[in-house]
Amino acid sequence: LKLQFLYLIGRRTTPPMDEEHDAATKVQCAFRGHQARKKTDQMKHNSQMLKVRDYLNEKKVYQLLQHLTSLVAYHRPDDPKAFLGIELKKLAANDKTDLLVDDDLDTIFDMIDITKQGFVTGSQLRHAMTNLNAGGGGKDKVKVDMNGRYNRAQFKDAMSAGLRTVNVWA
């Protein structure tokens, strides 16, 4: 330690070559090596994280979890695990998983049929389907006669058909 002090204040021209210096050099080398390994490990971690994120996006896992969470929050089952198991089986079979039940479709019909005439127009039906993303797409697109009239049963059939065809996980 005394030699190191003398070197620092300028009375000694060469650094001390003793066990302490060797130990300090080894610590510095180990630290630098640790930093390099840490940086490499971080790069590997980032690469793996990007692969996982891409996979989750590609398979639409976030949307699936959001849908399942919405179902649980809406239905509030006594046994959420069993409920989710049933819903996942429905999704696997490409079956309908409803956030909207029959009573909800009745309520929507009543909200649209404000004059209480017992029917809605085709444009009102198409607008409701668009708002609920229930129109289907491509070959599954639900046909709506824009000039036609739809009673409650026809409205519910069209809405249900549109909701059944929406499957973002296919």
N, C-alpha and C. Protein backbone atom coordinates (compact mmCIF):
# COMPACT_ATOMS: atom_id res chain seq x y z
N LEU A 1 0.83 -1.18 0.00
CA LEU A 1 0.00 0.00 0.00
C LEU A 1 0.88 1.26 0.00
N LYS A 2 2.01 1.20 0.78
CA LYS A 2 2.92 2.34 0.83
C LYS A 2 3.54 2.59 -0.55
N LEU A 3 3.89 1.52 -1.27
CA LEU A 3 4.46 1.66 -2.61
C LEU A 3 3.45 2.26 -3.57
N GLN A 4 2.20 1.86 -3.44
CA GLN A 4 1.18 2.44 -4.31
C GLN A 4 1.02 3.93 -4.04
N PHE A 5 1.03 4.32 -2.77
CA PHE A 5 0.92 5.72 -2.41
C PHE A 5 2.09 6.52 -2.99
N LEU A 6 3.32 6.00 -2.84
CA LEU A 6 4.49 6.69 -3.39
C LEU A 6 4.38 6.83 -4.91
N TYR A 7 3.87 5.81 -5.56
CA TYR A 7 3.69 5.87 -7.01
C TYR A 7 2.70 6.96 -7.37
N LEU A 8 1.62 7.07 -6.62
CA LEU A 8 0.59 8.06 -6.91
C LEU A 8 1.08 9.49 -6.69
N ILE A 9 1.88 9.71 -5.68
CA ILE A 9 2.33 11.09 -5.44
C ILE A 9 3.57 11.43 -6.25
N GLY A 10 4.10 10.49 -7.03
CA GLY A 10 5.17 10.79 -7.96
C GLY A 10 6.57 10.48 -7.50
N ARG A 11 6.80 9.91 -6.35
CA ARG A 11 8.14 9.62 -5.89
C ARG A 11 8.64 8.31 -6.47
N ARG A 12 7.80 7.55 -7.01
CA ARG A 12 8.21 6.28 -7.60
C ARG A 12 7.76 6.30 -9.06
N THR A 13 8.59 5.87 -9.97
CA THR A 13 8.31 5.99 -11.40
C THR A 13 7.64 4.76 -11.98
N THR A 14 7.69 3.65 -11.33
CA THR A 14 7.06 2.44 -11.84
C THR A 14 6.02 1.98 -10.85
N PRO A 15 4.97 1.40 -11.35
CA PRO A 15 3.93 0.93 -10.43
C PRO A 15 4.43 -0.26 -9.63
N PRO A 16 3.94 -0.44 -8.45
CA PRO A 16 4.36 -1.56 -7.62
C PRO A 16 3.92 -2.88 -8.24
N MET A 17 4.79 -3.83 -8.21
CA MET A 17 4.51 -5.16 -8.74
C MET A 17 4.47 -6.13 -7.56
N ASP A 18 3.39 -6.17 -6.92
CA ASP A 18 3.28 -7.06 -5.79
C ASP A 18 1.98 -7.85 -5.88
N GLU A 19 1.68 -8.57 -4.85
CA GLU A 19 0.50 -9.42 -4.85
C GLU A 19 -0.79 -8.60 -4.94
N GLU A 20 -0.81 -7.44 -4.31
CA GLU A 20 -2.00 -6.60 -4.35
C GLU A 20 -2.27 -6.13 -5.78
N HIS A 21 -1.21 -5.76 -6.50
CA HIS A 21 -1.38 -5.31 -7.87
C HIS A 21 -1.91 -6.45 -8.74
N ASP A 22 -1.31 -7.64 -8.55
CA ASP A 22 -1.78 -8.80 -9.31
C ASP A 22 -3.24 -9.10 -9.00
N ALA A 23 -3.63 -8.99 -7.76
CA ALA A 23 -5.01 -9.23 -7.36
C ALA A 23 -5.94 -8.19 -7.99
N ALA A 24 -5.52 -6.93 -7.99
CA ALA A 24 -6.32 -5.86 -8.59
C ALA A 24 -6.49 -6.09 -10.08
N THR A 25 -5.42 -6.51 -10.75
CA THR A 25 -5.47 -6.80 -12.18
C THR A 25 -6.44 -7.94 -12.46
N LYS A 26 -6.39 -8.97 -11.64
CA LYS A 26 -7.30 -10.10 -11.82
C LYS A 26 -8.75 -9.67 -11.62
N VAL A 27 -9.01 -8.82 -10.63
CA VAL A 27 -10.36 -8.33 -10.38
C VAL A 27 -10.86 -7.51 -11.56
N GLN A 28 -9.98 -6.63 -12.08
CA GLN A 28 -10.37 -5.82 -13.23
C GLN A 28 -10.68 -6.69 -14.45
N CYS A 29 -9.85 -7.68 -14.69
CA CYS A 29 -10.07 -8.59 -15.83
C CYS A 29 -11.37 -9.35 -15.65
N ALA A 30 -11.59 -9.82 -14.45
CA ALA A 30 -12.82 -10.57 -14.18
C ALA A 30 -14.04 -9.67 -14.38
N PHE A 31 -13.94 -8.42 -13.91
CA PHE A 31 -15.05 -7.47 -14.05
C PHE A 31 -15.32 -7.18 -15.53
N ARG A 32 -14.25 -6.91 -16.28
CA ARG A 32 -14.42 -6.63 -17.71
C ARG A 32 -15.02 -7.84 -18.44
N GLY A 33 -14.57 -9.01 -18.08
CA GLY A 33 -15.12 -10.24 -18.67
C GLY A 33 -16.59 -10.42 -18.31
N HIS A 34 -16.91 -10.09 -17.05
CA HIS A 34 -18.29 -10.18 -16.59
C HIS A 34 -19.16 -9.21 -17.37
N GLN A 35 -18.69 -8.00 -17.58
CA GLN A 35 -19.44 -6.99 -18.33
C GLN A 35 -19.68 -7.46 -19.77
N ALA A 36 -18.66 -8.03 -20.40
CA ALA A 36 -18.80 -8.52 -21.78
C ALA A 36 -19.81 -9.67 -21.83
N ARG A 37 -19.74 -10.60 -20.86
CA ARG A 37 -20.69 -11.70 -20.82
C ARG A 37 -22.11 -11.20 -20.56
N LYS A 38 -22.20 -10.21 -19.69
CA LYS A 38 -23.51 -9.64 -19.36
C LYS A 38 -24.14 -9.01 -20.60
N LYS A 39 -23.34 -8.29 -21.38
CA LYS A 39 -23.84 -7.66 -22.60
C LYS A 39 -24.29 -8.72 -23.60
N THR A 40 -23.53 -9.77 -23.76
CA THR A 40 -23.89 -10.86 -24.67
C THR A 40 -25.17 -11.54 -24.20
N ASP A 41 -25.26 -11.79 -22.89
CA ASP A 41 -26.46 -12.42 -22.34
C ASP A 41 -27.68 -11.53 -22.57
N GLN A 42 -27.51 -10.21 -22.43
CA GLN A 42 -28.61 -9.27 -22.64
C GLN A 42 -29.07 -9.32 -24.09
N MET A 43 -28.12 -9.40 -25.03
CA MET A 43 -28.47 -9.47 -26.44
C MET A 43 -29.23 -10.77 -26.73
N LYS A 44 -28.80 -11.89 -26.14
CA LYS A 44 -29.50 -13.15 -26.32
C LYS A 44 -30.92 -13.06 -25.76
N HIS A 45 -31.04 -12.44 -24.57
CA HIS A 45 -32.33 -12.29 -23.92
C HIS A 45 -33.26 -11.45 -24.80
N ASN A 46 -32.77 -10.34 -25.35
CA ASN A 46 -33.58 -9.49 -26.21
C ASN A 46 -34.04 -10.25 -27.45
N SER A 47 -33.16 -11.03 -28.02
CA SER A 47 -33.51 -11.82 -29.21
C SER A 47 -34.61 -12.83 -28.88
N GLN A 48 -34.48 -13.50 -27.75
CA GLN A 48 -35.48 -14.47 -27.33
C GLN A 48 -36.81 -13.77 -27.04
N MET A 49 -36.73 -12.61 -26.41
CA MET A 49 -37.93 -11.86 -26.09
C MET A 49 -38.67 -11.44 -27.37
N LEU A 50 -37.93 -11.02 -28.38
CA LEU A 50 -38.54 -10.63 -29.65
C LEU A 50 -39.20 -11.84 -30.33
N LYS A 51 -38.56 -13.00 -30.26
CA LYS A 51 -39.14 -14.20 -30.85
C LYS A 51 -40.45 -14.56 -30.15
N VAL A 52 -40.47 -14.46 -28.84
CA VAL A 52 -41.68 -14.77 -28.08
C VAL A 52 -42.78 -13.77 -28.42
N ARG A 53 -42.44 -12.50 -28.45
CA ARG A 53 -43.43 -11.46 -28.77
C ARG A 53 -44.01 -11.68 -30.17
N ASP A 54 -43.16 -12.00 -31.14
CA ASP A 54 -43.62 -12.24 -32.51
C ASP A 54 -44.55 -13.46 -32.55
N TYR A 55 -44.19 -14.50 -31.82
CA TYR A 55 -45.04 -15.70 -31.77
C TYR A 55 -46.41 -15.36 -31.18
N LEU A 56 -46.43 -14.63 -30.05
CA LEU A 56 -47.69 -14.28 -29.41
C LEU A 56 -48.56 -13.42 -30.32
N ASN A 57 -47.93 -12.51 -31.05
CA ASN A 57 -48.68 -11.67 -32.00
C ASN A 57 -49.20 -12.50 -33.17
N GLU A 58 -48.35 -13.36 -33.71
CA GLU A 58 -48.74 -14.18 -34.86
C GLU A 58 -49.91 -15.09 -34.53
N LYS A 59 -49.89 -15.69 -33.35
CA LYS A 59 -50.95 -16.62 -32.94
C LYS A 59 -52.13 -15.92 -32.27
N LYS A 60 -52.05 -14.60 -32.16
CA LYS A 60 -53.12 -13.76 -31.59
C LYS A 60 -53.49 -14.18 -30.17
N VAL A 61 -52.49 -14.48 -29.39
CA VAL A 61 -52.70 -14.93 -28.01
C VAL A 61 -53.23 -13.79 -27.15
N TYR A 62 -52.76 -12.56 -27.37
CA TYR A 62 -53.25 -11.44 -26.57
C TYR A 62 -54.76 -11.24 -26.77
N GLN A 63 -55.22 -11.33 -28.02
CA GLN A 63 -56.64 -11.18 -28.31
C GLN A 63 -57.44 -12.32 -27.68
N LEU A 64 -56.89 -13.52 -27.74
CA LEU A 64 -57.57 -14.67 -27.14
C LEU A 64 -57.73 -14.48 -25.64
N LEU A 65 -56.67 -14.07 -24.97
CA LEU A 65 -56.74 -13.85 -23.52
C LEU A 65 -57.70 -12.71 -23.17
N GLN A 66 -57.71 -11.68 -24.00
CA GLN A 66 -58.64 -10.57 -23.77
C GLN A 66 -60.08 -11.06 -23.91
N HIS A 67 -60.33 -11.88 -24.93
CA HIS A 67 -61.67 -12.43 -25.14
C HIS A 67 -62.09 -13.30 -23.96
N LEU A 68 -61.20 -14.17 -23.52
CA LEU A 68 -61.53 -15.05 -22.40
C LEU A 68 -61.76 -14.26 -21.11
N THR A 69 -60.96 -13.24 -20.90
CA THR A 69 -61.13 -12.39 -19.71
C THR A 69 -62.47 -11.67 -19.77
N SER A 70 -62.83 -11.18 -20.95
CA SER A 70 -64.13 -10.52 -21.12
C SER A 70 -65.28 -11.47 -20.82
N LEU A 71 -65.16 -12.71 -21.30
CA LEU A 71 -66.21 -13.69 -21.02
C LEU A 71 -66.37 -13.94 -19.52
N VAL A 72 -65.26 -14.07 -18.83
CA VAL A 72 -65.32 -14.30 -17.38
C VAL A 72 -65.91 -13.10 -16.66
N ALA A 73 -65.49 -11.91 -17.06
CA ALA A 73 -66.01 -10.70 -16.41
C ALA A 73 -67.50 -10.52 -16.69
N TYR A 74 -67.95 -10.87 -17.89
CA TYR A 74 -69.35 -10.69 -18.25
C TYR A 74 -70.24 -11.73 -17.57
N HIS A 75 -69.86 -13.00 -17.64
CA HIS A 75 -70.70 -14.07 -17.11
C HIS A 75 -70.52 -14.32 -15.62
N ARG A 76 -69.37 -13.96 -15.07
CA ARG A 76 -69.06 -14.14 -13.64
C ARG A 76 -69.42 -15.55 -13.14
N PRO A 77 -68.81 -16.57 -13.72
CA PRO A 77 -69.16 -17.94 -13.32
C PRO A 77 -68.65 -18.25 -11.91
N ASP A 78 -69.33 -19.20 -11.26
CA ASP A 78 -68.89 -19.63 -9.93
C ASP A 78 -67.54 -20.34 -9.99
N ASP A 79 -67.33 -21.09 -11.07
CA ASP A 79 -66.07 -21.81 -11.25
C ASP A 79 -65.40 -21.32 -12.54
N PRO A 80 -64.59 -20.26 -12.46
CA PRO A 80 -63.98 -19.70 -13.67
C PRO A 80 -63.11 -20.69 -14.44
N LYS A 81 -62.42 -21.59 -13.75
CA LYS A 81 -61.56 -22.55 -14.44
C LYS A 81 -62.39 -23.48 -15.32
N ALA A 82 -63.46 -24.01 -14.78
CA ALA A 82 -64.33 -24.90 -15.55
C ALA A 82 -64.97 -24.14 -16.71
N PHE A 83 -65.41 -22.92 -16.43
CA PHE A 83 -66.01 -22.08 -17.47
C PHE A 83 -65.03 -21.83 -18.61
N LEU A 84 -63.78 -21.48 -18.27
CA LEU A 84 -62.77 -21.24 -19.29
C LEU A 84 -62.45 -22.52 -20.07
N GLY A 85 -62.45 -23.64 -19.39
CA GLY A 85 -62.24 -24.92 -20.08
C GLY A 85 -63.30 -25.17 -21.13
N ILE A 86 -64.55 -24.90 -20.78
CA ILE A 86 -65.65 -25.08 -21.73
C ILE A 86 -65.51 -24.13 -22.90
N GLU A 87 -65.18 -22.86 -22.61
CA GLU A 87 -65.03 -21.86 -23.67
C GLU A 87 -63.87 -22.20 -24.60
N LEU A 88 -62.77 -22.69 -24.03
CA LEU A 88 -61.63 -23.08 -24.87
C LEU A 88 -61.99 -24.27 -25.77
N LYS A 89 -62.77 -25.20 -25.24
CA LYS A 89 -63.22 -26.33 -26.07
C LYS A 89 -64.11 -25.83 -27.21
N LYS A 90 -64.96 -24.85 -26.92
CA LYS A 90 -65.80 -24.27 -27.97
C LYS A 90 -64.94 -23.62 -29.05
N LEU A 91 -63.94 -22.88 -28.62
CA LEU A 91 -63.05 -22.22 -29.58
C LEU A 91 -62.28 -23.24 -30.41
N ALA A 92 -61.84 -24.30 -29.78
CA ALA A 92 -61.08 -25.33 -30.49
C ALA A 92 -61.96 -26.02 -31.55
N ALA A 93 -63.26 -26.14 -31.26
CA ALA A 93 -64.19 -26.76 -32.19
C ALA A 93 -64.77 -25.73 -33.16
N ASN A 94 -64.26 -24.49 -33.10
CA ASN A 94 -64.78 -23.39 -33.92
C ASN A 94 -66.25 -23.14 -33.66
N ASP A 95 -66.68 -23.39 -32.43
CA ASP A 95 -68.06 -23.19 -32.03
C ASP A 95 -68.22 -21.76 -31.53
N LYS A 96 -69.43 -21.36 -31.33
CA LYS A 96 -69.76 -20.00 -30.91
C LYS A 96 -69.45 -19.81 -29.43
N THR A 97 -68.75 -18.72 -29.11
CA THR A 97 -68.57 -18.31 -27.72
C THR A 97 -69.19 -16.93 -27.61
N ASP A 98 -70.23 -16.84 -26.85
CA ASP A 98 -71.02 -15.61 -26.83
C ASP A 98 -70.67 -14.68 -25.69
N LEU A 99 -70.45 -13.43 -26.06
CA LEU A 99 -70.49 -12.37 -25.07
C LEU A 99 -71.92 -11.83 -25.03
N LEU A 100 -72.61 -11.98 -26.12
CA LEU A 100 -73.99 -11.52 -26.20
C LEU A 100 -74.91 -12.74 -26.16
N VAL A 101 -75.84 -12.73 -25.23
CA VAL A 101 -76.82 -13.81 -25.16
C VAL A 101 -78.11 -13.31 -25.79
N ASP A 102 -79.09 -14.17 -25.86
CA ASP A 102 -80.35 -13.87 -26.53
C ASP A 102 -81.01 -12.60 -25.98
N ASP A 103 -81.00 -12.44 -24.66
CA ASP A 103 -81.60 -11.25 -24.05
C ASP A 103 -80.89 -9.98 -24.49
N ASP A 104 -79.57 -10.07 -24.69
CA ASP A 104 -78.82 -8.90 -25.14
C ASP A 104 -79.23 -8.50 -26.55
N LEU A 105 -79.45 -9.49 -27.40
CA LEU A 105 -79.89 -9.19 -28.77
C LEU A 105 -81.28 -8.57 -28.76
N ASP A 106 -82.14 -9.03 -27.84
CA ASP A 106 -83.46 -8.40 -27.70
C ASP A 106 -83.31 -6.93 -27.29
N THR A 107 -82.43 -6.67 -26.36
CA THR A 107 -82.20 -5.29 -25.91
C THR A 107 -81.68 -4.42 -27.05
N ILE A 108 -80.74 -4.95 -27.83
CA ILE A 108 -80.20 -4.19 -28.96
C ILE A 108 -81.30 -3.91 -29.97
N PHE A 109 -82.14 -4.91 -30.25
CA PHE A 109 -83.26 -4.70 -31.18
C PHE A 109 -84.17 -3.60 -30.67
N ASP A 110 -84.51 -3.64 -29.38
CA ASP A 110 -85.38 -2.61 -28.80
C ASP A 110 -84.75 -1.23 -28.86
N MET A 111 -83.43 -1.15 -28.70
CA MET A 111 -82.76 0.15 -28.77
C MET A 111 -82.78 0.71 -30.20
N ILE A 112 -82.72 -0.17 -31.18
CA ILE A 112 -82.73 0.28 -32.57
C ILE A 112 -84.15 0.60 -33.03
N ASP A 113 -85.11 -0.21 -32.60
CA ASP A 113 -86.51 -0.02 -32.99
C ASP A 113 -87.16 0.98 -32.02
N ILE A 114 -86.74 2.23 -32.12
CA ILE A 114 -87.21 3.23 -31.16
C ILE A 114 -88.69 3.59 -31.35
N THR A 115 -89.22 3.36 -32.55
CA THR A 115 -90.63 3.65 -32.80
C THR A 115 -91.53 2.48 -32.42
N LYS A 116 -90.95 1.37 -31.99
CA LYS A 116 -91.66 0.16 -31.55
C LYS A 116 -92.60 -0.37 -32.64
N GLN A 117 -92.11 -0.39 -33.88
CA GLN A 117 -92.90 -0.91 -34.99
C GLN A 117 -92.72 -2.41 -35.16
N GLY A 118 -91.73 -2.98 -34.47
CA GLY A 118 -91.52 -4.42 -34.55
C GLY A 118 -90.57 -4.83 -35.67
N PHE A 119 -89.90 -3.87 -36.28
CA PHE A 119 -88.91 -4.19 -37.31
C PHE A 119 -87.83 -3.11 -37.34
N VAL A 120 -86.71 -3.48 -37.93
CA VAL A 120 -85.62 -2.53 -38.19
C VAL A 120 -85.29 -2.60 -39.67
N THR A 121 -84.70 -1.55 -40.18
CA THR A 121 -84.34 -1.54 -41.60
C THR A 121 -83.02 -2.28 -41.81
N GLY A 122 -82.76 -2.60 -43.04
CA GLY A 122 -81.51 -3.27 -43.38
C GLY A 122 -80.30 -2.42 -43.03
N SER A 123 -80.41 -1.11 -43.24
CA SER A 123 -79.27 -0.25 -42.91
C SER A 123 -79.05 -0.19 -41.40
N GLN A 124 -80.13 -0.23 -40.61
CA GLN A 124 -79.98 -0.26 -39.15
C GLN A 124 -79.33 -1.57 -38.70
N LEU A 125 -79.74 -2.67 -39.33
CA LEU A 125 -79.14 -3.96 -39.02
C LEU A 125 -77.66 -3.97 -39.37
N ARG A 126 -77.32 -3.50 -40.58
CA ARG A 126 -75.92 -3.47 -41.00
C ARG A 126 -75.10 -2.58 -40.06
N HIS A 127 -75.65 -1.44 -39.64
CA HIS A 127 -74.95 -0.54 -38.73
C HIS A 127 -74.69 -1.23 -37.38
N ALA A 128 -75.69 -1.94 -36.87
CA ALA A 128 -75.52 -2.68 -35.60
C ALA A 128 -74.45 -3.75 -35.76
N MET A 129 -74.47 -4.45 -36.89
CA MET A 129 -73.48 -5.50 -37.12
C MET A 129 -72.08 -4.92 -37.22
N THR A 130 -71.95 -3.77 -37.86
CA THR A 130 -70.64 -3.12 -37.98
C THR A 130 -70.13 -2.70 -36.61
N ASN A 131 -71.02 -2.13 -35.79
CA ASN A 131 -70.61 -1.68 -34.45
C ASN A 131 -70.17 -2.84 -33.56
N LEU A 132 -70.76 -4.01 -33.76
CA LEU A 132 -70.41 -5.17 -32.95
C LEU A 132 -69.42 -6.09 -33.64
N ASN A 133 -68.91 -5.66 -34.79
CA ASN A 133 -67.98 -6.48 -35.58
C ASN A 133 -68.60 -7.85 -35.85
N ALA A 134 -69.88 -7.83 -36.22
CA ALA A 134 -70.62 -9.07 -36.39
C ALA A 134 -70.99 -9.33 -37.84
N GLY A 135 -70.35 -8.67 -38.76
CA GLY A 135 -70.73 -8.83 -40.15
C GLY A 135 -70.13 -10.03 -40.82
N GLY A 136 -69.17 -10.67 -40.19
CA GLY A 136 -68.45 -11.75 -40.85
C GLY A 136 -67.53 -11.16 -41.90
N GLY A 137 -66.81 -11.97 -42.56
CA GLY A 137 -65.91 -11.46 -43.58
C GLY A 137 -65.71 -12.49 -44.67
N GLY A 138 -65.36 -12.04 -45.85
CA GLY A 138 -65.09 -12.93 -46.97
C GLY A 138 -66.31 -13.77 -47.30
N LYS A 139 -66.13 -15.08 -47.42
CA LYS A 139 -67.24 -15.97 -47.78
C LYS A 139 -68.27 -16.09 -46.66
N ASP A 140 -67.89 -15.72 -45.42
CA ASP A 140 -68.81 -15.82 -44.29
C ASP A 140 -69.61 -14.54 -44.07
N LYS A 141 -69.46 -13.56 -44.93
CA LYS A 141 -70.14 -12.28 -44.75
C LYS A 141 -71.65 -12.49 -44.76
N VAL A 142 -72.32 -11.94 -43.77
CA VAL A 142 -73.76 -12.07 -43.66
C VAL A 142 -74.41 -11.10 -44.65
N LYS A 143 -75.32 -11.63 -45.46
CA LYS A 143 -76.01 -10.82 -46.46
C LYS A 143 -77.14 -10.04 -45.80
N VAL A 144 -77.17 -8.73 -46.07
CA VAL A 144 -78.22 -7.88 -45.54
C VAL A 144 -78.80 -7.07 -46.69
N ASP A 145 -80.11 -7.16 -46.85
CA ASP A 145 -80.80 -6.36 -47.85
C ASP A 145 -80.97 -4.97 -47.26
N MET A 146 -80.25 -4.00 -47.80
CA MET A 146 -80.25 -2.65 -47.23
C MET A 146 -81.63 -1.99 -47.32
N ASN A 147 -82.48 -2.43 -48.25
CA ASN A 147 -83.82 -1.86 -48.39
C ASN A 147 -84.88 -2.70 -47.68
N GLY A 148 -84.47 -3.82 -47.09
CA GLY A 148 -85.42 -4.72 -46.46
C GLY A 148 -85.76 -4.33 -45.04
N ARG A 149 -86.72 -5.06 -44.50
CA ARG A 149 -87.13 -4.88 -43.10
C ARG A 149 -86.90 -6.21 -42.39
N TYR A 150 -86.45 -6.12 -41.13
CA TYR A 150 -86.13 -7.32 -40.36
C TYR A 150 -86.88 -7.28 -39.03
N ASN A 151 -87.67 -8.34 -38.79
CA ASN A 151 -88.36 -8.41 -37.49
C ASN A 151 -87.37 -8.89 -36.43
N ARG A 152 -87.83 -9.04 -35.22
CA ARG A 152 -86.96 -9.40 -34.09
C ARG A 152 -86.24 -10.74 -34.35
N ALA A 153 -86.96 -11.74 -34.79
CA ALA A 153 -86.35 -13.06 -35.00
C ALA A 153 -85.31 -13.01 -36.12
N GLN A 154 -85.63 -12.32 -37.22
CA GLN A 154 -84.68 -12.19 -38.33
C GLN A 154 -83.44 -11.40 -37.89
N PHE A 155 -83.67 -10.36 -37.11
CA PHE A 155 -82.57 -9.55 -36.59
C PHE A 155 -81.63 -10.41 -35.75
N LYS A 156 -82.22 -11.20 -34.84
CA LYS A 156 -81.40 -12.04 -33.96
C LYS A 156 -80.67 -13.12 -34.74
N ASP A 157 -81.32 -13.69 -35.75
CA ASP A 157 -80.66 -14.70 -36.59
C ASP A 157 -79.47 -14.10 -37.32
N ALA A 158 -79.66 -12.92 -37.91
CA ALA A 158 -78.57 -12.27 -38.66
C ALA A 158 -77.42 -11.89 -37.74
N MET A 159 -77.75 -11.33 -36.59
CA MET A 159 -76.70 -10.93 -35.64
C MET A 159 -75.95 -12.16 -35.13
N SER A 160 -76.68 -13.22 -34.80
CA SER A 160 -76.04 -14.44 -34.29
C SER A 160 -75.13 -15.05 -35.35
N ALA A 161 -75.61 -15.07 -36.59
CA ALA A 161 -74.79 -15.62 -37.67
C ALA A 161 -73.51 -14.81 -37.83
N GLY A 162 -73.63 -13.50 -37.75
CA GLY A 162 -72.45 -12.63 -37.88
C GLY A 162 -71.50 -12.81 -36.72
N LEU A 163 -72.03 -12.95 -35.52
CA LEU A 163 -71.17 -13.12 -34.35
C LEU A 163 -70.49 -14.48 -34.38
N ARG A 164 -71.18 -15.50 -34.91
CA ARG A 164 -70.60 -16.84 -34.99
C ARG A 164 -69.41 -16.88 -35.93
N THR A 165 -69.44 -16.08 -36.99
CA THR A 165 -68.37 -16.15 -37.97
C THR A 165 -67.13 -15.39 -37.56
N VAL A 166 -67.26 -14.56 -36.54
CA VAL A 166 -66.09 -13.80 -36.08
C VAL A 166 -65.22 -14.74 -35.26
N ASN A 167 -64.03 -15.05 -35.78
CA ASN A 167 -63.10 -15.92 -35.06
C ASN A 167 -61.68 -15.46 -35.45
N VAL A 168 -61.11 -14.62 -34.63
CA VAL A 168 -59.80 -14.06 -34.96
C VAL A 168 -58.68 -15.06 -34.71
N TRP A 169 -58.99 -16.23 -34.15
CA TRP A 169 -57.93 -17.19 -33.83
C TRP A 169 -57.80 -18.28 -34.86
N ALA A 170 -58.62 -18.23 -35.90
CA ALA A 170 -58.55 -19.28 -36.93
C ALA A 170 -57.29 -19.16 -37.74
